[in-house]
Amino acid sequence: MALIEGCRHELEVSVGILEVAAATEVVLARIQAKAQLPGFRPGKAPLSVIRSRFGSEIQQDALEEVIPKALDKRFAEEKLRVVGQPNISDVKMEPNQPLSFKVSFEVHPEFELGEYKGLEVEYADPEVTERDVADRLEQLLESKAEYVNIDPRPAESGDYVVVGLESADGLEGEPMKNPEMTLKLGDADTIPAFSEGIVGMSPGETKDIAVSYPEDYGQERLSGKTVTFDVELKFIRRKEMPLLDDDFAQSMGDFRTLDEFKEQVKASIHAERQYRAQDEAKNKLIEKLAETHEFAVPDTYVERQLRIQLESYARSLQMQGIDPKQLNFDMSKFRESQKERAIRDVRATLLLDRISEVEEVTVGNDEVDREVQRLARQQREPVAAVRLKLEKDDGLDRIANRIRTDKTINLLFEQARKVVPVVPVEVEKTETPEVES
């Protein structure tokens, strides 16, 4: 067996005369049974006529019969873990001669597992300050705020207003409409032209307001355009915040006092930050693992990883409201920029899989069941229906593999040597006094 490069190998395969002849007879009989030729009843044409009329088809079908079986046999004899689709070349099939051909293929890489326990990684358990708790409580109060209509008067900067608007000029296609939009006049999130135009209006009044959008505005339809809107001021509202007291705590769940709720808020913030910090540390740990193990990976795996990365990129664009099909996307540049990362990710996946075998990491049915139940709640579908869909496309196996990988990563993190990150200290620059000569 010749090694071409990396994980790609080449073999020369030969198939005996008798085996080729037997496969050819099977093909002949199959074609004869289906053939409908003038002058013969269906399936009754002589084999000599079948050979004459369907020679090339017979040879091709015989190859398709013989080659896969020959490959399976040879791969089993060589104990090869072939990945991807083998490439067949130099096929020689002559009458009364053995069949011969070359096959190039990739194999699952063999590598020595080096040190993976006790790897050093930067990690510090996050802290939660009283200021952090106060900020989160303020956000929760904001979410429970009520907006009450006040008696009509001219709008002022700082007011919350409800307006109806419709584009009247400067915009191609369908007009933009919003019958009830809430704005805070003078707020950083409110376009200044709206704030300036609405200040002084009273509920029930209408006004044309021209808004000039910058070239880099997020919505392409509006960027660089000046659009005139018909604006009606409907209401001016007052924002009423709830009191931060025991009653508020009780409205947020099974809490008796505000102090109890504060403790829960603090624990929640800590859990969020701990998850993010551990996730970042685990990613660094996996990168270090891949960096310390250098071995070739099959192009087949790399191509599959590149497709995953491309699909992930497309989903992220769609979540931003961008249609990937409308972009002038250069696939070759994407592949070039992402290939090193794809190779590293494939190598990391193979390493984690080997470690899970060495450490005998297993996944119980109850763990898979819990994940199926979580997906059912997320999709708002019956558990049985979600499980049935997953069973059809090997989804349960993918869930089990993902859980196994997560458990392996957690094991590596538990065994890692955690080093507190060093925060660089900024040194104040001082002017050097001039020295007279």
Protein backbone atom coordinates (compact mmCIF):
# COMPACT_ATOMS: atom_id res chain seq x y z
CA MET A 1 0.00 0.00 0.00
CA ALA A 2 1.49 3.32 -1.09
CA LEU A 3 1.16 6.49 0.98
CA ILE A 4 0.45 9.45 -1.30
CA GLU A 5 0.16 12.29 1.20
CA GLY A 6 -1.25 12.84 4.70
CA CYS A 7 -4.04 10.31 5.14
CA ARG A 8 -4.39 9.48 1.44
CA HIS A 9 -3.19 6.07 0.26
CA GLU A 10 -3.25 4.09 -2.99
CA LEU A 11 -3.71 0.40 -3.68
CA GLU A 12 -3.51 -1.76 -6.79
CA VAL A 13 -6.33 -4.31 -6.77
CA SER A 14 -6.74 -7.39 -8.92
CA VAL A 15 -9.87 -9.54 -9.29
CA GLY A 16 -9.64 -13.09 -10.63
CA ILE A 17 -11.06 -14.26 -13.97
CA LEU A 18 -13.63 -16.58 -12.37
CA GLU A 19 -14.97 -13.85 -10.08
CA VAL A 20 -15.33 -11.40 -12.97
CA ALA A 21 -17.00 -14.07 -15.10
CA ALA A 22 -19.48 -14.92 -12.34
CA ALA A 23 -20.43 -11.25 -11.91
CA THR A 24 -20.79 -10.88 -15.69
CA GLU A 25 -23.17 -13.87 -15.82
CA VAL A 26 -25.32 -12.32 -13.08
CA VAL A 27 -25.51 -9.06 -15.04
CA LEU A 28 -26.29 -10.91 -18.30
CA ALA A 29 -29.17 -12.78 -16.71
CA ARG A 30 -30.56 -9.53 -15.21
CA ILE A 31 -30.43 -7.69 -18.54
CA GLN A 32 -31.85 -10.68 -20.44
CA ALA A 33 -34.85 -10.83 -18.10
CA LYS A 34 -35.69 -7.16 -18.79
CA ALA A 35 -34.72 -6.90 -22.47
CA GLN A 36 -37.45 -6.35 -25.04
CA LEU A 37 -36.00 -6.90 -28.51
CA PRO A 38 -37.80 -7.16 -31.88
CA GLY A 39 -38.47 -10.76 -32.83
CA PHE A 40 -38.12 -12.14 -29.32
CA ARG A 41 -40.55 -12.54 -26.46
CA PRO A 42 -39.64 -10.43 -23.37
CA GLY A 43 -36.83 -12.13 -21.45
CA LYS A 44 -36.25 -14.77 -24.16
CA ALA A 45 -33.57 -13.14 -26.33
CA PRO A 46 -30.43 -15.36 -26.68
CA LEU A 47 -27.42 -14.44 -24.56
CA SER A 48 -25.34 -13.95 -27.73
CA VAL A 49 -27.79 -11.25 -28.86
CA ILE A 50 -27.77 -9.66 -25.38
CA ARG A 51 -23.95 -9.57 -25.42
CA SER A 52 -23.96 -7.97 -28.85
CA ARG A 53 -26.60 -5.33 -28.10
CA PHE A 54 -25.66 -4.44 -24.53
CA GLY A 55 -21.89 -4.99 -24.45
CA SER A 56 -20.86 -1.69 -22.86
CA GLU A 57 -23.75 -1.77 -20.38
CA ILE A 58 -22.85 -5.33 -19.36
CA GLN A 59 -19.24 -4.38 -18.77
CA GLN A 60 -20.18 -1.28 -16.71
CA ASP A 61 -22.72 -3.18 -14.59
CA ALA A 62 -20.21 -5.99 -14.02
CA LEU A 63 -17.64 -3.46 -12.81
CA GLU A 64 -20.20 -2.00 -10.43
CA GLU A 65 -20.82 -5.51 -9.10
CA VAL A 66 -17.18 -6.53 -8.74
CA ILE A 67 -15.30 -3.40 -7.65
CA PRO A 68 -17.22 -2.56 -4.41
CA LYS A 69 -16.97 -6.17 -3.22
CA ALA A 70 -13.28 -6.32 -4.08
CA LEU A 71 -12.67 -3.07 -2.20
CA ASP A 72 -14.57 -4.20 0.88
CA LYS A 73 -12.59 -7.45 0.93
CA ARG A 74 -9.22 -5.71 0.48
CA PHE A 75 -9.95 -3.00 3.04
CA ALA A 76 -10.98 -5.68 5.54
CA GLU A 77 -7.80 -7.67 4.87
CA GLU A 78 -5.66 -4.55 5.38
CA LYS A 79 -7.76 -3.52 8.43
CA LEU A 80 -8.24 -0.04 6.99
CA ARG A 81 -10.70 2.54 8.34
CA VAL A 82 -11.50 4.19 5.03
CA VAL A 83 -13.28 7.55 5.11
CA GLY A 84 -15.00 9.30 2.25
CA GLN A 85 -15.45 8.02 -1.30
CA PRO A 86 -12.56 6.03 -2.83
CA ASN A 87 -11.33 7.20 -6.24
CA ILE A 88 -11.04 4.44 -8.88
CA SER A 89 -8.60 4.78 -11.80
CA ASP A 90 -6.65 2.77 -14.40
CA VAL A 91 -9.39 0.16 -14.78
CA LYS A 92 -8.30 -2.70 -17.08
CA MET A 93 -10.93 -5.28 -18.04
CA GLU A 94 -9.97 -7.52 -20.95
CA PRO A 95 -11.69 -10.77 -22.05
CA ASN A 96 -10.34 -13.82 -20.18
CA GLN A 97 -8.04 -11.60 -18.13
CA PRO A 98 -8.12 -10.63 -14.44
CA LEU A 99 -9.66 -7.25 -13.70
CA SER A 100 -7.20 -4.70 -12.34
CA PHE A 101 -7.55 -1.14 -11.13
CA LYS A 102 -6.03 1.42 -8.80
CA VAL A 103 -7.85 2.98 -5.87
CA SER A 104 -6.85 6.04 -3.88
CA PHE A 105 -8.59 6.74 -0.60
CA GLU A 106 -8.28 8.39 2.78
CA VAL A 107 -8.09 6.59 6.11
CA HIS A 108 -8.99 7.60 9.61
CA PRO A 109 -5.73 8.90 11.13
CA GLU A 110 -3.71 6.89 13.58
CA PHE A 111 -1.88 8.97 16.19
CA GLU A 112 -0.26 8.67 19.59
CA LEU A 113 -2.24 10.29 22.38
CA GLY A 114 0.12 12.53 24.30
CA GLU A 115 -0.36 14.29 27.62
CA TYR A 116 -3.87 15.56 28.14
CA LYS A 117 -4.28 15.55 31.92
CA GLY A 118 -3.21 18.51 34.00
CA LEU A 119 -2.91 20.94 31.10
CA GLU A 120 -2.51 24.54 32.23
CA VAL A 121 -5.35 26.95 31.49
CA GLU A 122 -6.17 30.47 32.61
CA TYR A 123 -9.30 30.53 34.76
CA ALA A 124 -10.58 32.38 37.80
CA ASP A 125 -13.97 31.93 39.39
CA PRO A 126 -15.91 35.14 38.66
CA GLU A 127 -16.85 37.64 41.35
CA VAL A 128 -20.19 39.42 41.73
CA THR A 129 -20.23 42.84 43.37
CA GLU A 130 -23.06 44.74 45.04
CA ARG A 131 -22.97 47.09 42.04
CA ASP A 132 -23.58 44.13 39.72
CA VAL A 133 -26.63 43.11 41.77
CA ALA A 134 -27.93 46.69 41.84
CA ASP A 135 -27.59 46.99 38.06
CA ARG A 136 -29.46 43.72 37.48
CA LEU A 137 -32.23 44.81 39.87
CA GLU A 138 -32.51 48.08 37.95
CA GLN A 139 -32.96 46.11 34.72
CA LEU A 140 -35.68 44.00 36.32
CA LEU A 141 -37.45 47.12 37.59
CA GLU A 142 -37.28 48.56 34.08
CA SER A 143 -38.87 45.42 32.67
CA LYS A 144 -41.80 45.79 35.09
CA ALA A 145 -42.28 49.53 34.45
CA GLU A 146 -45.72 50.73 33.37
CA TYR A 147 -46.43 53.60 30.99
CA VAL A 148 -49.48 55.70 31.87
CA ASN A 149 -51.10 58.21 29.54
CA ILE A 150 -51.03 61.75 30.88
CA ASP A 151 -53.30 64.71 30.13
CA PRO A 152 -52.62 66.32 26.75
CA ARG A 153 -49.90 68.98 26.66
CA PRO A 154 -47.02 69.90 24.33
CA ALA A 155 -44.38 67.16 24.21
CA GLU A 156 -41.07 67.84 25.91
CA SER A 157 -37.62 66.33 25.66
CA GLY A 158 -37.46 63.27 27.93
CA ASP A 159 -41.14 62.36 27.38
CA TYR A 160 -42.27 58.92 26.32
CA VAL A 161 -44.58 59.31 23.33
CA VAL A 162 -46.67 57.03 21.15
CA VAL A 163 -46.75 58.05 17.50
CA GLY A 164 -48.16 56.70 14.26
CA LEU A 165 -46.00 57.23 11.21
CA GLU A 166 -45.97 56.51 7.50
CA SER A 167 -43.36 57.40 4.88
CA ALA A 168 -44.69 59.96 2.41
CA ASP A 169 -41.72 60.85 0.20
CA GLY A 170 -38.14 59.80 -0.56
CA LEU A 171 -38.60 56.02 -0.36
CA GLU A 172 -39.10 53.65 -3.28
CA GLY A 173 -41.53 50.76 -3.15
CA GLU A 174 -44.01 50.05 -0.38
CA PRO A 175 -44.26 52.84 2.21
CA MET A 176 -43.02 52.25 5.75
CA LYS A 177 -45.85 52.19 8.30
CA ASN A 178 -46.03 51.84 12.07
CA PRO A 179 -49.39 52.69 13.66
CA GLU A 180 -48.03 52.73 17.24
CA MET A 181 -44.36 53.36 17.89
CA THR A 182 -43.10 54.29 21.34
CA LEU A 183 -40.20 56.74 21.48
CA LYS A 184 -38.33 58.55 24.23
CA LEU A 185 -37.69 62.06 23.00
CA GLY A 186 -34.04 63.06 23.26
CA ASP A 187 -32.89 59.50 23.96
CA ALA A 188 -29.74 58.21 22.27
CA ASP A 189 -31.74 55.41 20.63
CA THR A 190 -34.22 57.86 19.07
CA ILE A 191 -33.29 59.45 15.73
CA PRO A 192 -32.63 63.14 16.53
CA ALA A 193 -34.87 64.36 13.68
CA PHE A 194 -37.86 62.62 15.29
CA SER A 195 -37.07 64.02 18.75
CA GLU A 196 -36.63 67.57 17.41
CA GLY A 197 -39.74 67.38 15.23
CA ILE A 198 -42.07 65.93 17.88
CA VAL A 199 -41.06 68.26 20.73
CA GLY A 200 -43.81 70.90 20.96
CA MET A 201 -46.51 68.75 19.35
CA SER A 202 -49.66 67.91 21.33
CA PRO A 203 -51.64 64.64 21.17
CA GLY A 204 -53.85 64.60 18.08
CA GLU A 205 -51.53 66.81 16.01
CA THR A 206 -49.87 65.65 12.78
CA LYS A 207 -46.68 66.85 11.17
CA ASP A 208 -44.33 66.07 8.28
CA ILE A 209 -40.81 65.24 9.54
CA ALA A 210 -37.84 64.77 7.20
CA VAL A 211 -35.22 62.27 8.36
CA SER A 212 -31.78 62.02 6.70
CA TYR A 213 -30.20 58.59 7.16
CA PRO A 214 -26.40 58.15 7.03
CA GLU A 215 -24.74 56.08 4.31
CA ASP A 216 -23.81 53.36 6.81
CA TYR A 217 -27.31 53.01 8.25
CA GLY A 218 -28.20 49.41 9.15
CA GLN A 219 -31.17 49.12 6.76
CA GLU A 220 -30.00 49.25 3.16
CA ARG A 221 -33.37 50.57 2.00
CA LEU A 222 -32.91 53.71 4.12
CA SER A 223 -29.14 54.24 4.01
CA GLY A 224 -28.13 57.57 2.44
CA LYS A 225 -31.74 58.65 1.85
CA THR A 226 -33.83 61.55 3.16
CA VAL A 227 -37.35 60.29 3.90
CA THR A 228 -40.35 62.43 4.84
CA PHE A 229 -42.76 60.84 7.32
CA ASP A 230 -46.35 61.79 8.17
CA VAL A 231 -46.25 61.67 11.98
CA GLU A 232 -49.26 61.75 14.33
CA LEU A 233 -48.65 62.21 18.05
CA LYS A 234 -51.16 59.95 19.80
CA PHE A 235 -50.20 59.88 23.49
CA ILE A 236 -47.70 61.28 25.95
CA ARG A 237 -46.93 58.80 28.71
CA ARG A 238 -45.36 58.78 32.13
CA LYS A 239 -43.09 55.94 33.14
CA GLU A 240 -43.97 54.47 36.55
CA MET A 241 -41.37 52.23 38.14
CA PRO A 242 -42.31 49.67 40.83
CA LEU A 243 -40.81 50.05 44.29
CA LEU A 244 -37.87 47.83 45.12
CA ASP A 245 -39.33 46.15 48.21
CA ASP A 246 -40.58 42.84 49.56
CA ASP A 247 -43.74 43.08 47.41
CA PHE A 248 -41.62 43.37 44.28
CA ALA A 249 -39.53 40.36 45.37
CA GLN A 250 -42.69 38.31 45.94
CA SER A 251 -43.95 39.25 42.45
CA MET A 252 -40.77 37.75 40.97
CA GLY A 253 -41.22 34.26 42.38
CA ASP A 254 -41.19 32.20 45.54
CA PHE A 255 -39.44 34.80 47.70
CA ARG A 256 -40.55 36.24 51.03
CA THR A 257 -38.22 39.19 51.30
CA LEU A 258 -36.16 41.45 49.08
CA ASP A 259 -32.96 40.13 50.67
CA GLU A 260 -33.87 36.59 49.60
CA PHE A 261 -34.46 37.80 46.05
CA LYS A 262 -31.15 39.68 46.04
CA GLU A 263 -29.31 36.49 47.00
CA GLN A 264 -30.98 34.67 44.11
CA VAL A 265 -30.07 37.49 41.71
CA LYS A 266 -26.45 37.34 42.89
CA ALA A 267 -26.36 33.55 42.43
CA SER A 268 -27.89 33.89 38.97
CA ILE A 269 -25.30 36.46 37.86
CA HIS A 270 -22.51 34.26 39.24
CA ALA A 271 -23.84 31.21 37.37
CA GLU A 272 -24.02 33.17 34.09
CA ARG A 273 -20.49 34.51 34.44
CA GLN A 274 -19.12 31.17 35.59
CA TYR A 275 -20.61 29.45 32.54
CA ARG A 276 -19.06 32.02 30.18
CA ALA A 277 -15.68 31.92 31.96
CA GLN A 278 -15.58 28.12 31.99
CA ASP A 279 -16.69 27.95 28.36
CA GLU A 280 -13.85 30.29 27.36
CA ALA A 281 -11.34 28.29 29.43
CA LYS A 282 -12.54 25.01 27.91
CA ASN A 283 -12.14 26.41 24.39
CA LYS A 284 -8.56 27.44 25.21
CA LEU A 285 -7.94 24.00 26.68
CA ILE A 286 -9.14 22.31 23.49
CA GLU A 287 -6.96 24.62 21.38
CA LYS A 288 -3.93 23.74 23.50
CA LEU A 289 -4.74 20.04 23.15
CA ALA A 290 -4.87 20.37 19.36
CA GLU A 291 -1.64 22.41 19.28
CA THR A 292 0.28 19.78 21.25
CA HIS A 293 -0.82 16.93 18.95
CA GLU A 294 0.40 17.31 15.38
CA PHE A 295 -0.95 14.76 12.91
CA ALA A 296 -2.51 14.73 9.45
CA VAL A 297 -6.29 14.71 9.12
CA PRO A 298 -8.34 13.51 6.13
CA ASP A 299 -9.48 16.10 3.60
CA THR A 300 -12.91 14.48 3.82
CA TYR A 301 -13.23 15.52 7.46
CA VAL A 302 -11.88 19.01 6.72
CA GLU A 303 -14.38 19.51 3.89
CA ARG A 304 -17.22 18.45 6.16
CA GLN A 305 -16.04 20.89 8.85
CA LEU A 306 -15.82 23.71 6.29
CA ARG A 307 -19.44 23.05 5.32
CA ILE A 308 -20.44 23.22 8.99
CA GLN A 309 -18.60 26.54 9.38
CA LEU A 310 -20.24 27.92 6.24
CA GLU A 311 -23.71 26.91 7.45
CA SER A 312 -22.99 28.51 10.82
CA TYR A 313 -21.90 31.73 9.10
CA ALA A 314 -25.05 31.75 6.94
CA ARG A 315 -27.26 31.29 10.03
CA SER A 316 -25.51 34.18 11.81
CA LEU A 317 -26.20 36.43 8.80
CA GLN A 318 -29.85 35.40 8.72
CA MET A 319 -30.19 36.21 12.43
CA GLN A 320 -28.98 39.73 11.55
CA GLY A 321 -31.64 39.99 8.85
CA ILE A 322 -29.13 39.55 6.01
CA ASP A 323 -29.91 37.21 3.10
CA PRO A 324 -26.65 35.31 2.35
CA LYS A 325 -27.79 34.83 -1.27
CA GLN A 326 -27.70 38.59 -1.82
CA LEU A 327 -24.03 38.85 -0.84
CA ASN A 328 -21.21 38.72 -3.35
CA PHE A 329 -19.77 35.76 -1.49
CA ASP A 330 -16.35 34.44 -2.53
CA MET A 331 -16.35 30.75 -1.59
CA SER A 332 -12.66 30.25 -2.40
CA LYS A 333 -11.63 33.09 -0.07
CA PHE A 334 -13.88 31.72 2.67
CA ARG A 335 -12.34 28.28 2.34
CA GLU A 336 -8.83 29.71 2.35
CA SER A 337 -9.48 31.85 5.45
CA GLN A 338 -11.22 29.06 7.37
CA LYS A 339 -9.17 26.00 6.39
CA GLU A 340 -6.62 26.21 9.23
CA ARG A 341 -9.39 26.56 11.77
CA ALA A 342 -11.25 23.62 10.20
CA ILE A 343 -8.13 21.43 10.42
CA ARG A 344 -7.65 22.41 14.07
CA ASP A 345 -11.31 21.68 14.88
CA VAL A 346 -11.14 18.26 13.18
CA ARG A 347 -7.95 17.41 15.06
CA ALA A 348 -9.57 18.48 18.35
CA THR A 349 -12.65 16.35 17.64
CA LEU A 350 -10.51 13.27 16.94
CA LEU A 351 -8.50 13.85 20.12
CA LEU A 352 -11.60 14.23 22.27
CA ASP A 353 -13.03 11.06 20.77
CA ARG A 354 -9.85 9.13 21.58
CA ILE A 355 -9.73 10.53 25.14
CA SER A 356 -13.36 9.55 25.73
CA GLU A 357 -12.42 5.99 24.72
CA VAL A 358 -9.36 5.90 26.98
CA GLU A 359 -11.28 7.39 29.92
CA GLU A 360 -14.29 5.14 29.20
CA VAL A 361 -16.70 8.06 29.11
CA THR A 362 -20.22 6.69 28.62
CA VAL A 363 -23.66 8.18 28.05
CA GLY A 364 -26.73 6.68 29.67
CA ASN A 365 -30.18 6.45 28.12
CA ASP A 366 -31.49 8.75 30.85
CA GLU A 367 -29.08 11.49 29.71
CA VAL A 368 -30.30 11.21 26.12
CA ASP A 369 -33.92 11.19 27.34
CA ARG A 370 -33.40 14.42 29.27
CA GLU A 371 -32.00 16.12 26.16
CA VAL A 372 -34.94 14.89 24.05
CA GLN A 373 -37.35 16.27 26.67
CA ARG A 374 -35.51 19.61 26.63
CA LEU A 375 -35.77 19.78 22.84
CA ALA A 376 -39.48 18.93 23.03
CA ARG A 377 -40.08 21.79 25.48
CA GLN A 378 -38.05 24.14 23.30
CA GLN A 379 -39.96 23.16 20.15
CA ARG A 380 -43.30 22.92 21.98
CA GLU A 381 -43.94 19.46 20.60
CA PRO A 382 -44.80 16.12 22.24
CA VAL A 383 -41.73 14.19 23.42
CA ALA A 384 -42.78 11.13 21.40
CA ALA A 385 -42.99 13.18 18.18
CA VAL A 386 -39.55 14.73 18.71
CA ARG A 387 -38.03 11.32 19.49
CA LEU A 388 -39.56 9.82 16.34
CA LYS A 389 -38.05 12.55 14.15
CA LEU A 390 -34.64 12.09 15.79
CA GLU A 391 -34.73 8.32 15.31
CA LYS A 392 -35.31 8.74 11.56
CA ASP A 393 -32.06 10.63 10.88
CA ASP A 394 -29.74 9.22 13.57
CA GLY A 395 -30.45 12.26 15.75
CA LEU A 396 -30.31 10.23 18.96
CA ASP A 397 -26.78 9.07 18.13
CA ARG A 398 -25.73 12.66 17.48
CA ILE A 399 -27.18 13.72 20.83
CA ALA A 400 -25.32 10.89 22.59
CA ASN A 401 -22.05 11.85 20.85
CA ARG A 402 -22.48 15.50 21.82
CA ILE A 403 -23.15 14.60 25.46
CA ARG A 404 -20.12 12.29 25.43
CA THR A 405 -17.92 15.06 24.03
CA ASP A 406 -19.20 17.57 26.61
CA LYS A 407 -18.49 15.12 29.43
CA THR A 408 -14.98 14.56 28.08
CA ILE A 409 -14.31 18.31 27.91
CA ASN A 410 -15.61 18.71 31.47
CA LEU A 411 -13.26 15.94 32.56
CA LEU A 412 -10.30 17.73 30.97
CA PHE A 413 -11.32 21.00 32.64
CA GLU A 414 -11.62 19.34 36.05
CA GLN A 415 -8.14 17.83 35.68
CA ALA A 416 -6.56 21.01 34.30
CA ARG A 417 -4.25 23.25 36.33
CA LYS A 418 -6.12 26.53 36.67
CA VAL A 419 -3.95 29.64 36.61
CA VAL A 420 -5.40 33.00 37.57
CA PRO A 421 -5.11 35.35 34.56
CA VAL A 422 -2.60 38.14 35.06
CA VAL A 423 -4.23 41.51 34.48
CA PRO A 424 -1.69 43.86 32.89
CA VAL A 425 -0.99 46.93 35.01
CA GLU A 426 -1.01 50.20 33.14
CA VAL A 427 2.05 52.24 33.98
CA GLU A 428 1.45 55.96 34.01
CA LYS A 429 3.76 57.80 31.70
CA THR A 430 5.68 60.67 33.28
CA GLU A 431 7.50 63.36 31.45
CA THR A 432 11.25 63.12 31.61
CA PRO A 433 12.64 66.43 32.92
CA GLU A 434 14.97 68.22 30.62
CA VAL A 435 18.57 68.34 31.78
CA GLU A 436 20.50 71.42 31.06
CA SER A 437 23.92 70.85 29.63
